[in-house]
Amino acid sequence: MRHLMSPLDFTVEEIDKLLDLAGDIEAHPDKYAHACEGKKLATLFYEPSTRTRLSHEAAMLNLGGSVLGFSSAASSSATKGETVADTIRMISCFADICAMRHPKEGAALVASEYSSIPVINAGDGGHQHPTQTLTDLMTIRSLKGRLNHMKIGLCGDLKFGRTVHSLIHALVRYPGIEFVLISPEELRLPSYMRQDVLDKNNIPYEEVVRMEDALPELDLLYMTRVQKERFFNEEDYVRMKDFYILDAQKMELAKSDMLVLHPLPRVNEIAVEVDKDPRAAYFKQVQYGVYARMALILTLLNIEV
């Protein structure tokens, strides 16, 4: 039995195989419509979510399975003091696979140690978000045709952004990847990510504050929102929230084939006018997320079609 806690839980070869499967699901959805009949996915979301929870649920329903779970800690026995370990033991009696989001880093890992069913980490605090990473990798590979030899700009909240941390972990394993880290001083990529991941793997990167300085050289721009829920006080959030706004004028500085990705939700860091730019890929990204999660469910349940 396998779990998915981090993008590094799968080798590059396994990720490529999973993305091939996701591509086949996209091309032949009818072939997979009954693959998970009789199987149940439990969604344990201790933290608010729209895309991640609904895309896991859509993925299971598209495979012919069913879904149960809760969408906030307030509607679970966590309010009575039930531990994650006890919750997952109980859920293991009801479901065949589980997707968990939790505000505490490492909560999904604790669940996996007590679970008798596969556990998918659907986001744990500011730590990891591996299914978003699979979504990102599928989007990039589908639209760019490759996952190597690219200069990638990561913009916004690089300190608390778990999607950014997971994506960096995944992409450093491909040749020819360079990063431009675009953030204010207060939201820089944590030193442990720079030292233990980028420096350790000899990945070229530069840190800049102005988005405009980086745009002309990028093959991909990964925008993130400044996350209000990660700040300790309102004043710091208000000061940071509009630091970057990608608009049509800034897009004129970019290459004609630069992709713009965003894990969503956006607040106002991407102007609505950018949505009609053919380089804006963030809503396509959502659709690719369903295919990637369908492939992941089949892989963790060892179901071959």
Protein backbone atom coordinates (compact mmCIF):
# COMPACT_ATOMS: atom_id res chain seq x y z
CA MET A 1 0.00 0.00 0.00
CA ARG A 2 1.29 3.44 -0.97
CA HIS A 3 0.47 6.98 0.14
CA LEU A 4 1.22 10.35 -1.47
CA MET A 5 2.69 12.80 1.04
CA SER A 6 5.18 14.63 -1.20
CA PRO A 7 5.99 14.78 -4.93
CA LEU A 8 9.21 12.93 -4.03
CA ASP A 9 7.21 9.83 -3.06
CA PHE A 10 7.14 9.00 -6.78
CA THR A 11 10.24 8.63 -8.94
CA VAL A 12 10.52 10.69 -12.13
CA GLU A 13 9.68 7.52 -14.08
CA GLU A 14 6.58 6.92 -11.95
CA ILE A 15 5.45 10.52 -12.40
CA ASP A 16 5.92 10.24 -16.17
CA LYS A 17 3.87 7.03 -16.15
CA LEU A 18 1.15 8.69 -14.06
CA LEU A 19 1.04 11.68 -16.44
CA ASP A 20 0.81 9.31 -19.41
CA LEU A 21 -2.17 7.69 -17.70
CA ALA A 22 -3.74 11.11 -17.05
CA GLY A 23 -3.27 11.97 -20.73
CA ASP A 24 -5.00 8.74 -21.74
CA ILE A 25 -7.88 9.53 -19.37
CA GLU A 26 -8.22 12.96 -21.01
CA ALA A 27 -8.28 11.37 -24.48
CA HIS A 28 -10.54 8.40 -23.60
CA PRO A 29 -12.73 9.27 -20.57
CA ASP A 30 -15.35 6.60 -21.38
CA LYS A 31 -12.72 3.87 -21.02
CA TYR A 32 -12.31 4.77 -17.33
CA ALA A 33 -15.93 5.59 -16.45
CA HIS A 34 -16.46 2.40 -14.39
CA ALA A 35 -12.91 1.74 -13.17
CA CYS A 36 -13.69 2.50 -9.51
CA GLU A 37 -17.22 1.10 -9.25
CA GLY A 38 -17.82 -0.01 -5.67
CA LYS A 39 -14.89 2.07 -4.35
CA LYS A 40 -15.25 5.01 -1.96
CA LEU A 41 -13.09 8.12 -1.52
CA ALA A 42 -13.17 9.90 1.84
CA THR A 43 -12.36 13.63 1.72
CA LEU A 44 -11.19 14.88 5.14
CA PHE A 45 -10.84 18.64 4.81
CA TYR A 46 -9.98 20.37 8.07
CA GLU A 47 -9.35 23.59 6.12
CA PRO A 48 -11.49 25.39 3.48
CA SER A 49 -11.04 24.35 -0.13
CA THR A 50 -12.95 24.58 -3.39
CA ARG A 51 -10.77 23.23 -6.20
CA THR A 52 -8.80 20.59 -4.32
CA ARG A 53 -11.78 19.00 -2.58
CA LEU A 54 -14.15 19.17 -5.55
CA SER A 55 -11.54 17.97 -8.03
CA HIS A 56 -10.79 14.91 -5.87
CA GLU A 57 -14.53 14.26 -5.63
CA ALA A 58 -15.03 14.82 -9.39
CA ALA A 59 -12.11 12.51 -10.11
CA MET A 60 -13.64 9.67 -8.08
CA LEU A 61 -17.13 10.22 -9.49
CA ASN A 62 -15.72 10.26 -13.05
CA LEU A 63 -14.19 6.86 -12.31
CA GLY A 64 -17.57 5.47 -11.23
CA GLY A 65 -16.81 5.50 -7.50
CA SER A 66 -18.52 7.35 -4.66
CA VAL A 67 -17.48 10.00 -2.14
CA LEU A 68 -18.01 10.71 1.56
CA GLY A 69 -16.36 13.05 4.03
CA PHE A 70 -16.46 16.52 5.57
CA SER A 71 -15.50 19.97 4.27
CA SER A 72 -14.44 21.66 7.51
CA ALA A 73 -13.05 20.73 10.91
CA ALA A 74 -16.13 22.32 12.48
CA SER A 75 -18.35 19.62 11.00
CA SER A 76 -16.13 16.76 12.19
CA SER A 77 -15.38 15.11 15.53
CA ALA A 78 -12.19 17.18 15.69
CA THR A 79 -14.36 19.71 17.55
CA LYS A 80 -14.80 17.03 20.24
CA GLY A 81 -11.07 16.46 20.47
CA GLU A 82 -10.72 13.41 18.22
CA THR A 83 -7.15 12.99 17.00
CA VAL A 84 -6.14 12.64 13.35
CA ALA A 85 -4.87 9.12 14.17
CA ASP A 86 -8.26 8.04 15.53
CA THR A 87 -10.16 9.73 12.69
CA ILE A 88 -8.18 7.90 10.01
CA ARG A 89 -8.57 4.55 11.79
CA MET A 90 -12.31 5.09 11.76
CA ILE A 91 -12.40 6.33 8.14
CA SER A 92 -10.44 3.24 7.09
CA CYS A 93 -13.52 1.21 8.02
CA PHE A 94 -15.72 3.24 5.64
CA ALA A 95 -13.60 4.05 2.59
CA ASP A 96 -11.00 2.60 0.22
CA ILE A 97 -8.85 5.74 -0.16
CA CYS A 98 -8.64 9.11 1.57
CA ALA A 99 -7.68 12.69 0.63
CA MET A 100 -6.78 14.91 3.60
CA ARG A 101 -6.17 18.64 3.94
CA HIS A 102 -5.03 19.99 7.28
CA PRO A 103 -3.63 23.33 8.51
CA LYS A 104 -0.85 21.58 10.48
CA GLU A 105 2.28 20.48 8.68
CA GLY A 106 2.77 16.73 8.92
CA ALA A 107 -0.86 15.90 9.76
CA ALA A 108 -1.31 13.80 6.61
CA LEU A 109 1.92 11.94 7.41
CA VAL A 110 0.56 11.09 10.88
CA ALA A 111 -2.65 9.86 9.25
CA SER A 112 -0.72 7.65 6.82
CA GLU A 113 1.07 5.95 9.73
CA TYR A 114 -2.23 4.85 11.29
CA SER A 115 -4.22 4.24 8.10
CA SER A 116 -5.09 0.93 6.51
CA ILE A 117 -6.07 2.68 3.25
CA PRO A 118 -3.99 4.92 0.92
CA VAL A 119 -3.81 8.55 2.09
CA ILE A 120 -3.38 11.49 -0.29
CA ASN A 121 -1.94 14.67 1.20
CA ALA A 122 -4.25 17.37 -0.20
CA GLY A 123 -2.24 20.15 1.49
CA ASP A 124 -0.70 20.40 4.96
CA GLY A 125 -0.14 23.93 6.25
CA GLY A 126 2.60 25.77 4.34
CA HIS A 127 4.46 22.53 3.70
CA GLN A 128 3.44 20.39 0.69
CA HIS A 129 0.65 20.13 -1.87
CA PRO A 130 1.62 17.16 -4.06
CA THR A 131 -1.63 16.76 -6.02
CA GLN A 132 -1.40 20.41 -7.09
CA THR A 133 2.12 19.61 -8.22
CA LEU A 134 0.88 16.70 -10.35
CA THR A 135 -1.68 19.13 -11.79
CA ASP A 136 1.05 21.68 -12.52
CA LEU A 137 3.34 19.09 -14.12
CA MET A 138 0.54 17.79 -16.34
CA THR A 139 -0.37 21.35 -17.39
CA ILE A 140 3.23 22.22 -18.25
CA ARG A 141 3.89 18.96 -20.09
CA SER A 142 0.61 19.12 -22.02
CA LEU A 143 1.02 22.75 -23.11
CA LYS A 144 4.82 23.00 -23.41
CA GLY A 145 5.52 19.42 -24.49
CA ARG A 146 8.30 18.99 -21.92
CA LEU A 147 9.27 19.30 -18.25
CA ASN A 148 12.92 20.17 -18.82
CA HIS A 149 15.09 23.05 -20.04
CA MET A 150 12.93 25.95 -18.87
CA LYS A 151 13.36 29.19 -16.97
CA ILE A 152 10.50 29.38 -14.46
CA GLY A 153 9.43 32.45 -12.52
CA LEU A 154 7.78 31.85 -9.15
CA CYS A 155 6.02 35.01 -8.02
CA GLY A 156 4.34 36.19 -4.82
CA ASP A 157 4.17 34.34 -1.53
CA LEU A 158 7.20 32.05 -1.71
CA LYS A 159 7.49 31.81 2.08
CA PHE A 160 4.17 30.17 2.94
CA GLY A 161 3.19 28.92 -0.54
CA ARG A 162 3.05 25.13 -0.26
CA THR A 163 2.28 24.85 -3.99
CA VAL A 164 5.58 26.59 -4.75
CA HIS A 165 7.55 24.37 -2.35
CA SER A 166 6.08 21.19 -3.83
CA LEU A 167 6.66 22.34 -7.42
CA ILE A 168 10.31 23.18 -6.73
CA HIS A 169 10.86 19.74 -5.17
CA ALA A 170 9.39 18.09 -8.27
CA LEU A 171 11.06 20.18 -10.98
CA VAL A 172 14.64 20.07 -9.66
CA ARG A 173 14.74 16.44 -10.80
CA TYR A 174 14.47 17.46 -14.48
CA PRO A 175 17.52 18.70 -16.46
CA GLY A 176 17.97 22.32 -17.47
CA ILE A 177 15.57 23.89 -14.99
CA GLU A 178 16.29 27.42 -13.73
CA PHE A 179 14.23 29.50 -11.32
CA VAL A 180 13.66 33.20 -10.89
CA LEU A 181 12.25 33.80 -7.39
CA ILE A 182 10.10 36.95 -7.47
CA SER A 183 8.97 38.16 -4.05
CA PRO A 184 9.21 40.97 -1.51
CA GLU A 185 11.89 40.49 1.14
CA GLU A 186 9.29 39.44 3.74
CA LEU A 187 7.94 36.58 1.56
CA ARG A 188 11.21 35.15 0.23
CA LEU A 189 11.60 31.43 -0.29
CA PRO A 190 12.63 29.93 3.08
CA SER A 191 16.37 29.40 3.54
CA TYR A 192 15.89 25.64 4.01
CA MET A 193 14.34 25.43 0.53
CA ARG A 194 17.19 27.44 -0.99
CA GLN A 195 19.94 25.50 0.77
CA ASP A 196 18.52 21.98 0.99
CA VAL A 197 16.79 21.85 -2.38
CA LEU A 198 18.17 24.43 -4.84
CA ASP A 199 21.79 24.72 -3.71
CA LYS A 200 22.06 21.02 -2.89
CA ASN A 201 20.93 20.09 -6.42
CA ASN A 202 23.02 22.83 -8.09
CA ILE A 203 19.93 24.48 -9.55
CA PRO A 204 20.58 27.97 -10.96
CA TYR A 205 18.30 30.61 -9.45
CA GLU A 206 18.12 34.33 -8.88
CA GLU A 207 16.00 36.36 -6.48
CA VAL A 208 14.37 39.59 -7.68
CA VAL A 209 11.79 41.94 -6.25
CA ARG A 210 10.43 43.49 -9.46
CA MET A 211 8.33 41.20 -11.67
CA GLU A 212 9.05 43.40 -14.71
CA ASP A 213 12.76 42.62 -14.48
CA ALA A 214 12.14 38.89 -14.83
CA LEU A 215 9.26 38.66 -17.34
CA PRO A 216 11.17 38.95 -20.66
CA GLU A 217 13.30 35.85 -20.01
CA LEU A 218 10.69 33.45 -18.58
CA ASP A 219 9.23 30.35 -20.26
CA LEU A 220 6.69 30.00 -17.44
CA LEU A 221 5.34 32.34 -14.77
CA TYR A 222 3.78 30.71 -11.71
CA MET A 223 1.73 33.32 -9.84
CA THR A 224 0.55 32.85 -6.26
CA ARG A 225 -1.72 34.85 -3.99
CA VAL A 226 -0.58 36.37 -0.73
CA GLN A 227 -2.36 34.07 1.71
CA LYS A 228 -4.27 35.98 4.36
CA GLU A 229 -4.75 32.85 6.46
CA ARG A 230 -0.97 32.42 6.92
CA PHE A 231 -0.40 35.91 8.39
CA PHE A 232 -0.36 36.61 12.08
CA ASN A 233 -1.68 40.15 11.77
CA GLU A 234 -3.95 42.03 9.37
CA GLU A 235 -1.53 44.93 8.95
CA ASP A 236 1.22 42.81 7.38
CA TYR A 237 -1.28 41.15 5.04
CA VAL A 238 -2.74 44.47 3.85
CA ARG A 239 0.77 45.79 3.19
CA MET A 240 1.72 42.74 1.11
CA LYS A 241 -1.47 41.72 -0.68
CA ASP A 242 -1.18 44.01 -3.73
CA PHE A 243 2.59 43.80 -4.10
CA TYR A 244 2.26 42.03 -7.47
CA ILE A 245 -0.51 42.49 -10.02
CA LEU A 246 -0.03 40.88 -13.43
CA ASP A 247 -1.91 42.90 -16.05
CA ALA A 248 -2.03 43.20 -19.85
CA GLN A 249 0.67 45.85 -19.87
CA LYS A 250 3.12 43.61 -18.02
CA MET A 251 2.22 40.67 -20.28
CA GLU A 252 3.56 42.71 -23.22
CA LEU A 253 7.04 42.27 -21.70
CA ALA A 254 6.80 38.47 -21.82
CA LYS A 255 7.63 35.95 -24.53
CA SER A 256 4.86 35.09 -26.97
CA ASP A 257 4.77 31.50 -25.67
CA MET A 258 5.24 32.12 -21.93
CA LEU A 259 2.62 30.25 -19.91
CA VAL A 260 0.93 31.81 -16.86
CA LEU A 261 -0.08 29.30 -14.17
CA HIS A 262 -1.77 29.91 -10.83
CA PRO A 263 -2.94 27.30 -8.29
CA LEU A 264 -6.01 29.49 -7.56
CA PRO A 265 -7.93 31.03 -5.92
CA ARG A 266 -6.69 34.37 -7.16
CA VAL A 267 -7.57 37.54 -5.32
CA ASN A 268 -6.29 40.38 -7.49
CA GLU A 269 -2.72 39.32 -8.34
CA ILE A 270 -3.82 38.56 -11.93
CA ALA A 271 -6.04 41.19 -13.55
CA VAL A 272 -9.19 39.80 -15.18
CA GLU A 273 -8.05 41.26 -18.52
CA VAL A 274 -5.26 38.64 -18.63
CA ASP A 275 -7.84 35.81 -18.73
CA LYS A 276 -8.36 36.25 -22.48
CA ASP A 277 -4.62 36.11 -23.23
CA PRO A 278 -3.85 32.73 -24.90
CA ARG A 279 -0.87 32.39 -22.55
CA ALA A 280 -3.15 32.32 -19.49
CA ALA A 281 -3.38 28.62 -18.56
CA TYR A 282 -4.78 28.71 -15.01
CA PHE A 283 -8.32 27.59 -15.85
CA LYS A 284 -7.02 24.81 -18.12
CA GLN A 285 -4.87 23.88 -15.13
CA VAL A 286 -8.02 23.17 -13.11
CA GLN A 287 -9.27 20.69 -15.73
CA TYR A 288 -5.89 18.97 -15.92
CA GLY A 289 -6.11 18.62 -12.13
CA VAL A 290 -9.12 16.31 -12.43
CA TYR A 291 -7.30 14.02 -14.90
CA ALA A 292 -4.16 13.97 -12.74
CA ARG A 293 -6.14 13.05 -9.63
CA MET A 294 -8.07 10.35 -11.53
CA ALA A 295 -4.71 8.84 -12.54
CA LEU A 296 -3.45 9.10 -8.95
CA ILE A 297 -6.53 7.35 -7.50
CA LEU A 298 -6.16 4.49 -10.00
CA THR A 299 -2.45 4.22 -9.26
CA LEU A 300 -2.82 4.15 -5.44
CA LEU A 301 -5.67 1.64 -5.66
CA ASN A 302 -3.65 -0.53 -8.08
CA ILE A 303 -6.46 -0.52 -10.63
CA GLU A 304 -5.48 -1.15 -14.23
CA VAL A 305 -7.86 -0.48 -17.08
